[in-house]
PDB file of N, CA and C in Angstrom:
ATOM      1  N   MET A   1       0.836  -1.246   0.393  1.00  0.00           N
ATOM      2  CA  MET A   1       0.221  -0.087  -0.373  1.00  0.00           C
ATOM      3  C   MET A   1       1.107   1.631  -0.018  1.00  0.00           C
ATOM      4  N   LYS A   2       0.865   2.068  -0.990  1.00  0.00           N
ATOM      5  CA  LYS A   2       1.361   3.244  -0.896  1.00  0.00           C
ATOM      6  C   LYS A   2       0.932   4.572  -0.460  1.00  0.00           C
ATOM      7  N   ILE A   3       1.943   4.556   0.860  1.00  0.00           N
ATOM      8  CA  ILE A   3       0.926   6.001   1.074  1.00  0.00           C
ATOM      9  C   ILE A   3       1.404   7.854   1.050  1.00  0.00           C
ATOM     10  N   GLN A   4       0.999   8.475   1.415  1.00  0.00           N
ATOM     11  CA  GLN A   4       1.939  10.036   1.174  1.00  0.00           C
ATOM     12  C   GLN A   4       1.974  10.931   2.116  1.00  0.00           C
ATOM     13  N   ILE A   5       2.510  11.539   2.279  1.00  0.00           N
ATOM     14  CA  ILE A   5       2.566  12.007   3.724  1.00  0.00           C
ATOM     15  C   ILE A   5       2.652  13.862   2.905  1.00  0.00           C
ATOM     16  N   THR A   6       1.046  14.471   3.023  1.00  0.00           N
ATOM     17  CA  THR A   6       0.780  15.250   2.522  1.00  0.00           C
ATOM     18  C   THR A   6       1.186  16.354   3.408  1.00  0.00           C
ATOM     19  N   ASN A   7       0.873  16.231   5.122  1.00  0.00           N
ATOM     20  CA  ASN A   7       1.024  17.136   6.348  1.00  0.00           C
ATOM     21  C   ASN A   7       2.286  17.032   6.919  1.00  0.00           C
ATOM     22  N   ILE A   8       2.927  17.721   7.625  1.00  0.00           N
ATOM     23  CA  ILE A   8       3.770  17.587   8.616  1.00  0.00           C
ATOM     24  C   ILE A   8       3.873  18.802   9.569  1.00  0.00           C
ATOM     25  N   SER A   9       3.852  18.038  10.732  1.00  0.00           N
ATOM     26  CA  SER A   9       3.147  19.033  12.174  1.00  0.00           C
ATOM     27  C   SER A   9       4.743  19.709  12.388  1.00  0.00           C
ATOM     28  N   GLY A  10       4.611  21.135  12.058  1.00  0.00           N
ATOM     29  CA  GLY A  10       5.898  22.038  12.157  1.00  0.00           C
ATOM     30  C   GLY A  10       6.621  22.048  13.476  1.00  0.00           C
ATOM     31  N   HIS A  11       6.250  22.177  14.417  1.00  0.00           N
ATOM     32  CA  HIS A  11       5.874  21.977  16.383  1.00  0.00           C
ATOM     33  C   HIS A  11       6.995  20.850  16.895  1.00  0.00           C
ATOM     34  N   GLN A  12       5.988  19.838  16.289  1.00  0.00           N
ATOM     35  CA  GLN A  12       6.345  18.510  16.994  1.00  0.00           C
ATOM     36  C   GLN A  12       7.234  18.041  16.338  1.00  0.00           C
ATOM     37  N   THR A  13       7.521  18.562  15.110  1.00  0.00           N
ATOM     38  CA  THR A  13       9.041  18.076  14.355  1.00  0.00           C
ATOM     39  C   THR A  13       9.976  18.265  14.736  1.00  0.00           C
ATOM     40  N   SER A  14       9.956  19.504  14.691  1.00  0.00           N
ATOM     41  CA  SER A  14      11.315  20.597  15.123  1.00  0.00           C
ATOM     42  C   SER A  14      11.574  20.319  16.514  1.00  0.00           C
ATOM     43  N   LYS A  15      10.570  20.024  17.357  1.00  0.00           N
ATOM     44  CA  LYS A  15      10.845  19.443  18.890  1.00  0.00           C
ATOM     45  C   LYS A  15      11.880  18.577  18.778  1.00  0.00           C
ATOM     46  N   VAL A  16      11.049  17.620  18.232  1.00  0.00           N
ATOM     47  CA  VAL A  16      11.596  15.766  18.564  1.00  0.00           C
ATOM     48  C   VAL A  16      13.072  16.041  17.467  1.00  0.00           C
ATOM     49  N   PHE A  17      13.323  16.644  16.332  1.00  0.00           N
ATOM     50  CA  PHE A  17      14.924  16.870  15.699  1.00  0.00           C
ATOM     51  C   PHE A  17      16.216  17.935  16.420  1.00  0.00           C
ATOM     52  N   ALA A  18      15.112  19.062  17.198  1.00  0.00           N
ATOM     53  CA  ALA A  18      16.298  19.841  18.067  1.00  0.00           C
ATOM     54  C   ALA A  18      16.683  18.920  19.062  1.00  0.00           C
ATOM     55  N   ILE A  19      15.804  18.592  19.726  1.00  0.00           N
ATOM     56  CA  ILE A  19      16.279  17.499  21.244  1.00  0.00           C
ATOM     57  C   ILE A  19      16.938  16.703  20.850  1.00  0.00           C
ATOM     58  N   THR A  20      17.193  15.331  19.886  1.00  0.00           N
ATOM     59  CA  THR A  20      18.165  14.901  19.242  1.00  0.00           C
ATOM     60  C   THR A  20      18.820  15.730  19.036  1.00  0.00           C
ATOM     61  N   LEU A  21      19.551  16.375  18.471  1.00  0.00           N
ATOM     62  CA  LEU A  21      20.417  17.544  17.903  1.00  0.00           C
ATOM     63  C   LEU A  21      21.304  18.002  19.826  1.00  0.00           C
ATOM     64  N   VAL A  22      20.803  18.524  20.269  1.00  0.00           N
ATOM     65  CA  VAL A  22      21.290  18.825  21.806  1.00  0.00           C
ATOM     66  C   VAL A  22      21.977  17.454  22.521  1.00  0.00           C
ATOM     67  N   ILE A  23      21.307  16.434  22.151  1.00  0.00           N
ATOM     68  CA  ILE A  23      21.510  15.124  23.085  1.00  0.00           C
ATOM     69  C   ILE A  23      23.048  14.756  21.998  1.00  0.00           C
ATOM     70  N   LEU A  24      23.205  15.138  20.732  1.00  0.00           N
ATOM     71  CA  LEU A  24      23.969  14.054  19.559  1.00  0.00           C
ATOM     72  C   LEU A  24      25.616  14.839  19.935  1.00  0.00           C
ATOM     73  N   MET A  25      24.751  16.688  20.089  1.00  0.00           N
ATOM     74  CA  MET A  25      25.973  17.812  20.671  1.00  0.00           C
ATOM     75  C   MET A  25      26.615  17.790  22.184  1.00  0.00           C
ATOM     76  N   LEU A  26      26.348  17.504  22.992  1.00  0.00           N
ATOM     77  CA  LEU A  26      26.925  17.154  23.973  1.00  0.00           C
ATOM     78  C   LEU A  26      27.939  16.099  24.263  1.00  0.00           C
ATOM     79  N   PRO A  27      28.574  15.447  23.524  1.00  0.00           N
ATOM     80  CA  PRO A  27      30.360  14.690  23.819  1.00  0.00           C
ATOM     81  C   PRO A  27      30.643  15.554  23.345  1.00  0.00           C
ATOM     82  N   PHE A  28      30.423  16.341  22.230  1.00  0.00           N
ATOM     83  CA  PHE A  28      31.224  17.379  21.442  1.00  0.00           C
ATOM     84  C   PHE A  28      31.606  18.622  22.353  1.00  0.00           C
ATOM     85  N   SER A  29      30.606  18.628  23.048  1.00  0.00           N
ATOM     86  CA  SER A  29      31.041  19.845  24.056  1.00  0.00           C
ATOM     87  C   SER A  29      31.663  19.541  24.723  1.00  0.00           C
ATOM     88  N   PHE A  30      31.628  18.325  25.540  1.00  0.00           N
ATOM     89  CA  PHE A  30      32.633  18.196  26.677  1.00  0.00           C
ATOM     90  C   PHE A  30      34.365  18.161  26.006  1.00  0.00           C
ATOM     91  N   ILE A  31      34.387  17.050  25.225  1.00  0.00           N
ATOM     92  CA  ILE A  31      35.701  17.588  24.664  1.00  0.00           C
ATOM     93  C   ILE A  31      36.026  18.856  23.889  1.00  0.00           C
ATOM     94  N   SER A  32      35.371  19.334  23.648  1.00  0.00           N
ATOM     95  CA  SER A  32      35.553  20.936  23.186  1.00  0.00           C
ATOM     96  C   SER A  32      36.339  21.868  25.045  1.00  0.00           C
ATOM     97  N   ILE A  33      35.239  21.001  26.005  1.00  0.00           N
ATOM     98  CA  ILE A  33      35.597  21.660  26.924  1.00  0.00           C
ATOM     99  C   ILE A  33      37.099  21.456  27.790  1.00  0.00           C
ATOM    100  N   PHE A  34      36.345  19.796  27.481  1.00  0.00           N
ATOM    101  CA  PHE A  34      37.839  19.370  27.893  1.00  0.00           C
ATOM    102  C   PHE A  34      39.520  20.258  27.267  1.00  0.00           C
ATOM    103  N   PHE A  35      39.366  20.340  25.912  1.00  0.00           N
ATOM    104  CA  PHE A  35      40.663  21.074  25.359  1.00  0.00           C
ATOM    105  C   PHE A  35      40.836  22.219  25.667  1.00  0.00           C
ATOM    106  N   PHE A  36      39.560  22.928  25.758  1.00  0.00           N
ATOM    107  CA  PHE A  36      39.461  24.499  25.995  1.00  0.00           C
ATOM    108  C   PHE A  36      40.520  24.551  27.608  1.00  0.00           C
ATOM    109  N   PHE A  37      40.105  23.873  28.545  1.00  0.00           N
ATOM    110  CA  PHE A  37      40.557  23.542  29.626  1.00  0.00           C
ATOM    111  C   PHE A  37      42.601  23.176  29.705  1.00  0.00           C
ATOM    112  N   MET A  38      42.617  22.468  28.552  1.00  0.00           N
ATOM    113  CA  MET A  38      44.498  22.109  28.952  1.00  0.00           C
ATOM    114  C   MET A  38      45.047  22.587  28.249  1.00  0.00           C
ATOM    115  N   THR A  39      44.523  23.615  27.267  1.00  0.00           N
ATOM    116  CA  THR A  39      45.455  24.680  26.304  1.00  0.00           C
ATOM    117  C   THR A  39      46.014  25.886  27.529  1.00  0.00           C
ATOM    118  N   PRO A  40      47.904  26.386  27.328  1.00  0.00           N
ATOM    119  CA  PRO A  40      47.960  27.490  27.829  1.00  0.00           C
ATOM    120  C   PRO A  40      47.134  28.189  27.532  1.00  0.00           C
ATOM    121  N   GLU A  41      47.642  29.398  28.337  1.00  0.00           N
ATOM    122  CA  GLU A  41      47.204  30.857  27.789  1.00  0.00           C
ATOM    123  C   GLU A  41      47.946  31.502  27.314  1.00  0.00           C
ATOM    124  N   MET A  42      47.504  32.277  25.630  1.00  0.00           N
ATOM    125  CA  MET A  42      48.339  32.732  24.897  1.00  0.00           C
ATOM    126  C   MET A  42      48.753  33.882  24.844  1.00  0.00           C
ATOM    127  N   LYS A  43      50.031  34.311  24.625  1.00  0.00           N
ATOM    128  CA  LYS A  43      50.492  35.676  25.113  1.00  0.00           C
ATOM    129  C   LYS A  43      51.183  35.909  23.737  1.00  0.00           C
ATOM    130  N   THR A  44      50.833  37.358  23.136  1.00  0.00           N
ATOM    131  CA  THR A  44      51.643  38.205  22.073  1.00  0.00           C
ATOM    132  C   THR A  44      53.014  38.086  22.119  1.00  0.00           C
ATOM    133  N   ASN A  45      54.116  38.882  21.584  1.00  0.00           N
ATOM    134  CA  ASN A  45      55.499  39.011  21.465  1.00  0.00           C
ATOM    135  C   ASN A  45      55.489  39.805  22.552  1.00  0.00           C
ATOM    136  N   ASN A  46      54.948  40.959  22.576  1.00  0.00           N
ATOM    137  CA  ASN A  46      54.994  42.237  23.817  1.00  0.00           C
ATOM    138  C   ASN A  46      54.558  41.243  25.466  1.00  0.00           C
ATOM    139  N   GLY A  47      53.645  40.352  25.552  1.00  0.00           N
ATOM    140  CA  GLY A  47      53.513  39.497  26.761  1.00  0.00           C
ATOM    141  C   GLY A  47      52.316  39.821  26.980  1.00  0.00           C
ATOM    142  N   GLU A  48      51.274  40.758  26.134  1.00  0.00           N
ATOM    143  CA  GLU A  48      49.823  40.950  26.361  1.00  0.00           C
ATOM    144  C   GLU A  48      49.139  39.604  26.417  1.00  0.00           C
ATOM    145  N   GLN A  49      48.086  39.361  27.038  1.00  0.00           N
ATOM    146  CA  GLN A  49      47.660  38.089  26.789  1.00  0.00           C
ATOM    147  C   GLN A  49      46.299  38.274  25.775  1.00  0.00           C
ATOM    148  N   ILE A  50      46.451  37.126  24.974  1.00  0.00           N
ATOM    149  CA  ILE A  50      45.344  37.615  23.852  1.00  0.00           C
ATOM    150  C   ILE A  50      44.005  36.719  24.356  1.00  0.00           C
ATOM    151  N   PRO A  51      43.250  36.809  24.655  1.00  0.00           N
ATOM    152  CA  PRO A  51      41.701  36.459  24.963  1.00  0.00           C
ATOM    153  C   PRO A  51      41.423  35.005  24.234  1.00  0.00           C
ATOM    154  N   SER A  52      41.296  34.123  25.351  1.00  0.00           N
ATOM    155  CA  SER A  52      40.853  33.154  24.835  1.00  0.00           C
ATOM    156  C   SER A  52      39.470  33.063  24.760  1.00  0.00           C
ATOM    157  N   PHE A  53      39.513  31.872  23.743  1.00  0.00           N
ATOM    158  CA  PHE A  53      38.121  31.770  23.399  1.00  0.00           C
ATOM    159  C   PHE A  53      36.896  31.200  24.804  1.00  0.00           C
ATOM    160  N   SER A  54      35.773  32.152  24.848  1.00  0.00           N
ATOM    161  CA  SER A  54      34.735  32.030  25.476  1.00  0.00           C
ATOM    162  C   SER A  54      34.582  30.440  26.143  1.00  0.00           C
ATOM    163  N   PHE A  55      34.317  30.372  27.487  1.00  0.00           N
ATOM    164  CA  PHE A  55      33.975  28.939  27.809  1.00  0.00           C
ATOM    165  C   PHE A  55      32.372  28.928  27.622  1.00  0.00           C
ATOM    166  N   LEU A  56      31.726  29.882  27.377  1.00  0.00           N
ATOM    167  CA  LEU A  56      30.250  29.560  27.297  1.00  0.00           C
ATOM    168  C   LEU A  56      29.898  29.480  26.103  1.00  0.00           C
ATOM    169  N   PHE A  57      30.763  29.879  25.031  1.00  0.00           N
ATOM    170  CA  PHE A  57      30.754  29.209  23.757  1.00  0.00           C
ATOM    171  C   PHE A  57      30.542  27.545  23.898  1.00  0.00           C
ATOM    172  N   PHE A  58      31.138  26.704  24.546  1.00  0.00           N
ATOM    173  CA  PHE A  58      31.498  25.680  24.255  1.00  0.00           C
ATOM    174  C   PHE A  58      30.371  24.802  25.297  1.00  0.00           C
ATOM    175  N   ALA A  59      30.557  25.789  26.320  1.00  0.00           N
ATOM    176  CA  ALA A  59      28.719  24.833  27.224  1.00  0.00           C
ATOM    177  C   ALA A  59      27.485  25.361  27.138  1.00  0.00           C
ATOM    178  N   PHE A  60      27.037  26.419  26.678  1.00  0.00           N
ATOM    179  CA  PHE A  60      26.432  26.240  25.659  1.00  0.00           C
ATOM    180  C   PHE A  60      25.950  25.875  24.454  1.00  0.00           C
ATOM    181  N   ALA A  61      26.856  25.299  23.441  1.00  0.00           N
ATOM    182  CA  ALA A  61      26.888  25.121  21.944  1.00  0.00           C
ATOM    183  C   ALA A  61      26.279  24.451  21.630  1.00  0.00           C
ATOM    184  N   PRO A  62      25.496  23.442  22.722  1.00  0.00           N
ATOM    185  CA  PRO A  62      24.451  22.600  22.456  1.00  0.00           C
ATOM    186  C   PRO A  62      23.242  23.360  22.017  1.00  0.00           C
ATOM    187  N   LEU A  63      22.526  24.059  23.138  1.00  0.00           N
ATOM    188  CA  LEU A  63      21.621  24.355  23.598  1.00  0.00           C
ATOM    189  C   LEU A  63      21.764  25.601  21.862  1.00  0.00           C
ATOM    190  N   PHE A  64      22.781  26.321  21.808  1.00  0.00           N
ATOM    191  CA  PHE A  64      22.085  27.226  20.230  1.00  0.00           C
ATOM    192  C   PHE A  64      22.185  26.381  19.195  1.00  0.00           C
ATOM    193  N   TYR A  65      22.614  25.005  19.110  1.00  0.00           N
ATOM    194  CA  TYR A  65      22.251  24.523  18.011  1.00  0.00           C
ATOM    195  C   TYR A  65      20.811  24.110  17.598  1.00  0.00           C
ATOM    196  N   GLY A  66      20.297  23.518  18.983  1.00  0.00           N
ATOM    197  CA  GLY A  66      19.291  22.808  19.280  1.00  0.00           C
ATOM    198  C   GLY A  66      18.152  24.257  18.720  1.00  0.00           C
ATOM    199  N   VAL A  67      18.277  25.191  19.663  1.00  0.00           N
ATOM    200  CA  VAL A  67      17.824  26.337  18.776  1.00  0.00           C
ATOM    201  C   VAL A  67      17.541  26.572  17.568  1.00  0.00           C
ATOM    202  N   MET A  68      19.146  26.925  17.078  1.00  0.00           N
ATOM    203  CA  MET A  68      18.758  27.496  15.564  1.00  0.00           C
ATOM    204  C   MET A  68      18.075  25.896  14.543  1.00  0.00           C
ATOM    205  N   PHE A  69      18.594  25.039  15.516  1.00  0.00           N
ATOM    206  CA  PHE A  69      18.048  23.917  14.203  1.00  0.00           C
ATOM    207  C   PHE A  69      16.605  23.381  14.046  1.00  0.00           C
ATOM    208  N   TYR A  70      15.668  24.099  15.686  1.00  0.00           N
ATOM    209  CA  TYR A  70      14.268  24.037  15.434  1.00  0.00           C
ATOM    210  C   TYR A  70      13.381  24.926  14.345  1.00  0.00           C
ATOM    211  N   PHE A  71      14.335  26.075  14.338  1.00  0.00           N
ATOM    212  CA  PHE A  71      13.680  27.472  13.829  1.00  0.00           C
ATOM    213  C   PHE A  71      13.858  27.154  12.156  1.00  0.00           C
ATOM    214  N   MET A  72      15.218  26.109  11.650  1.00  0.00           N
ATOM    215  CA  MET A  72      15.347  26.197  10.689  1.00  0.00           C
ATOM    216  C   MET A  72      13.984  24.940  10.252  1.00  0.00           C
ATOM    217  N   GLN A  73      14.500  23.619  11.180  1.00  0.00           N
ATOM    218  CA  GLN A  73      13.389  22.296  10.968  1.00  0.00           C
ATOM    219  C   GLN A  73      11.943  22.678  10.663  1.00  0.00           C
ATOM    220  N   ARG A  74      11.775  24.361  11.768  1.00  0.00           N
ATOM    221  CA  ARG A  74      10.154  25.055  11.598  1.00  0.00           C
ATOM    222  C   ARG A  74      10.395  25.062  10.022  1.00  0.00           C
ATOM    223  N   LEU A  75      10.808  26.104   9.320  1.00  0.00           N
ATOM    224  CA  LEU A  75      10.907  26.509   8.098  1.00  0.00           C
ATOM    225  C   LEU A  75      11.081  25.626   7.195  1.00  0.00           C
ATOM    226  N   PHE A  76      11.870  24.166   7.157  1.00  0.00           N
ATOM    227  CA  PHE A  76      11.806  22.905   5.878  1.00  0.00           C
ATOM    228  C   PHE A  76      10.654  22.804   5.835  1.00  0.00           C
ATOM    229  N   CYS A  77       9.548  22.652   7.486  1.00  0.00           N
ATOM    230  CA  CYS A  77       8.159  21.978   7.645  1.00  0.00           C
ATOM    231  C   CYS A  77       7.663  22.125   6.438  1.00  0.00           C
ATOM    232  N   TRP A  78       7.260  24.334   7.089  1.00  0.00           N
ATOM    233  CA  TRP A  78       6.079  24.813   6.358  1.00  0.00           C
ATOM    234  C   TRP A  78       6.839  24.840   4.421  1.00  0.00           C
ATOM    235  N   VAL A  79       7.624  25.093   4.139  1.00  0.00           N
ATOM    236  CA  VAL A  79       8.103  25.115   2.921  1.00  0.00           C
ATOM    237  C   VAL A  79       7.568  23.455   1.992  1.00  0.00           C
ATOM    238  N   TYR A  80       7.474  22.330   3.319  1.00  0.00           N
ATOM    239  CA  TYR A  80       7.213  20.804   2.567  1.00  0.00           C
ATOM    240  C   TYR A  80       5.543  21.093   2.527  1.00  0.00           C
ATOM    241  N   ASN A  81       5.110  21.550   3.667  1.00  0.00           N
ATOM    242  CA  ASN A  81       3.867  21.483   3.736  1.00  0.00           C
ATOM    243  C   ASN A  81       3.646  22.691   2.121  1.00  0.00           C
ATOM    244  N   LEU A  82       3.782  23.518   1.712  1.00  0.00           N
ATOM    245  CA  LEU A  82       3.669  24.204   0.725  1.00  0.00           C
ATOM    246  C   LEU A  82       3.683  23.252  -0.099  1.00  0.00           C
ATOM    247  N   VAL A  83       4.612  22.790  -0.418  1.00  0.00           N
ATOM    248  CA  VAL A  83       5.302  21.773  -1.812  1.00  0.00           C
ATOM    249  C   VAL A  83       4.065  20.588  -2.006  1.00  0.00           C
ATOM    250  N   ALA A  84       3.744  19.847  -0.506  1.00  0.00           N
ATOM    251  CA  ALA A  84       3.450  18.717  -0.825  1.00  0.00           C
ATOM    252  C   ALA A  84       1.848  19.060  -1.131  1.00  0.00           C
ATOM    253  N   LYS A  85       1.152  20.159  -0.885  1.00  0.00           N
ATOM    254  CA  LYS A  85       0.267  20.535  -1.531  1.00  0.00           C
ATOM    255  C   LYS A  85      -0.140  20.772  -3.133  1.00  0.00           C
ATOM    256  N   LYS A  86       0.781  21.266  -3.322  1.00  0.00           N
ATOM    257  CA  LYS A  86       0.847  20.872  -5.065  1.00  0.00           C
ATOM    258  C   LYS A  86       1.231  20.233  -5.811  1.00  0.00           C
ATOM    259  N   VAL A  87       2.164  19.288  -5.240  1.00  0.00           N
ATOM    260  CA  VAL A  87       2.730  18.516  -6.108  1.00  0.00           C
ATOM    261  C   VAL A  87       2.406  16.732  -5.139  1.00  0.00           C
ATOM    262  N   GLY A  88       1.630  16.598  -3.760  1.00  0.00           N
ATOM    263  CA  GLY A  88       2.046  15.640  -3.131  1.00  0.00           C
ATOM    264  C   GLY A  88       3.234  15.957  -2.737  1.00  0.00           C
ATOM    265  N   GLY A  89       3.299  14.507  -1.275  1.00  0.00           N
ATOM    266  CA  GLY A  89       4.441  14.161  -0.541  1.00  0.00           C
ATOM    267  C   GLY A  89       5.327  13.739  -0.791  1.00  0.00           C
ATOM    268  N   PHE A  90       5.860  13.304   0.442  1.00  0.00           N
ATOM    269  CA  PHE A  90       6.848  11.768   0.244  1.00  0.00           C
ATOM    270  C   PHE A  90       5.894  10.791   0.014  1.00  0.00           C
ATOM    271  N   GLU A  91       6.295  10.126  -0.557  1.00  0.00           N
ATOM    272  CA  GLU A  91       4.994   8.647  -0.495  1.00  0.00           C
ATOM    273  C   GLU A  91       6.151   7.302  -0.040  1.00  0.00           C
ATOM    274  N   PHE A  92       5.959   6.617   0.629  1.00  0.00           N
ATOM    275  CA  PHE A  92       6.003   5.043   0.796  1.00  0.00           C
ATOM    276  C   PHE A  92       5.797   4.164   1.181  1.00  0.00           C
ATOM    277  N   GLU A  93       6.218   2.804   0.473  1.00  0.00           N
ATOM    278  CA  GLU A  93       5.210   1.823   0.091  1.00  0.00           C
ATOM    279  C   GLU A  93       5.183   0.930   1.831  1.00  0.00           C
ATOM    280  N   THR A  94       3.929   0.634   2.323  1.00  0.00           N
ATOM    281  CA  THR A  94       4.078   0.048   3.474  1.00  0.00           C
ATOM    282  C   THR A  94       3.166  -1.909   3.141  1.00  0.00           C
ATOM    283  N   SER A  95       3.955  -2.504   4.390  1.00  0.00           N
ATOM    284  CA  SER A  95       2.812  -3.820   3.961  1.00  0.00           C
ATOM    285  C   SER A  95       3.558  -4.296   5.550  1.00  0.00           C
ATOM    286  N   GLU A  96       2.132  -5.500   5.581  1.00  0.00           N
ATOM    287  CA  GLU A  96       1.847  -6.115   6.743  1.00  0.00           C
ATOM    288  C   GLU A  96       2.506  -7.560   7.129  1.00  0.00           C
TER     289      GLU A  96
END
């Protein structure tokens, strides 16, 4: 039996994808934070200290990615729903 998806719930789909992305980004965040603390402070030839990259970026990177991905997924669902009304949606076949 062939089934077409003609409408995708934007909020629910975006929420699931954003939370999944946050969970998948957590290990990279911890690795980045670890290397951030392992690097020595950098100085110029005059002895001035170069400000190191902000710790908060690494700490909140999964949250930033989750929020950005949520909005991008909402945009994708909106465009998909417009296109699916005109030409039909994704089609897949199921069997019992």
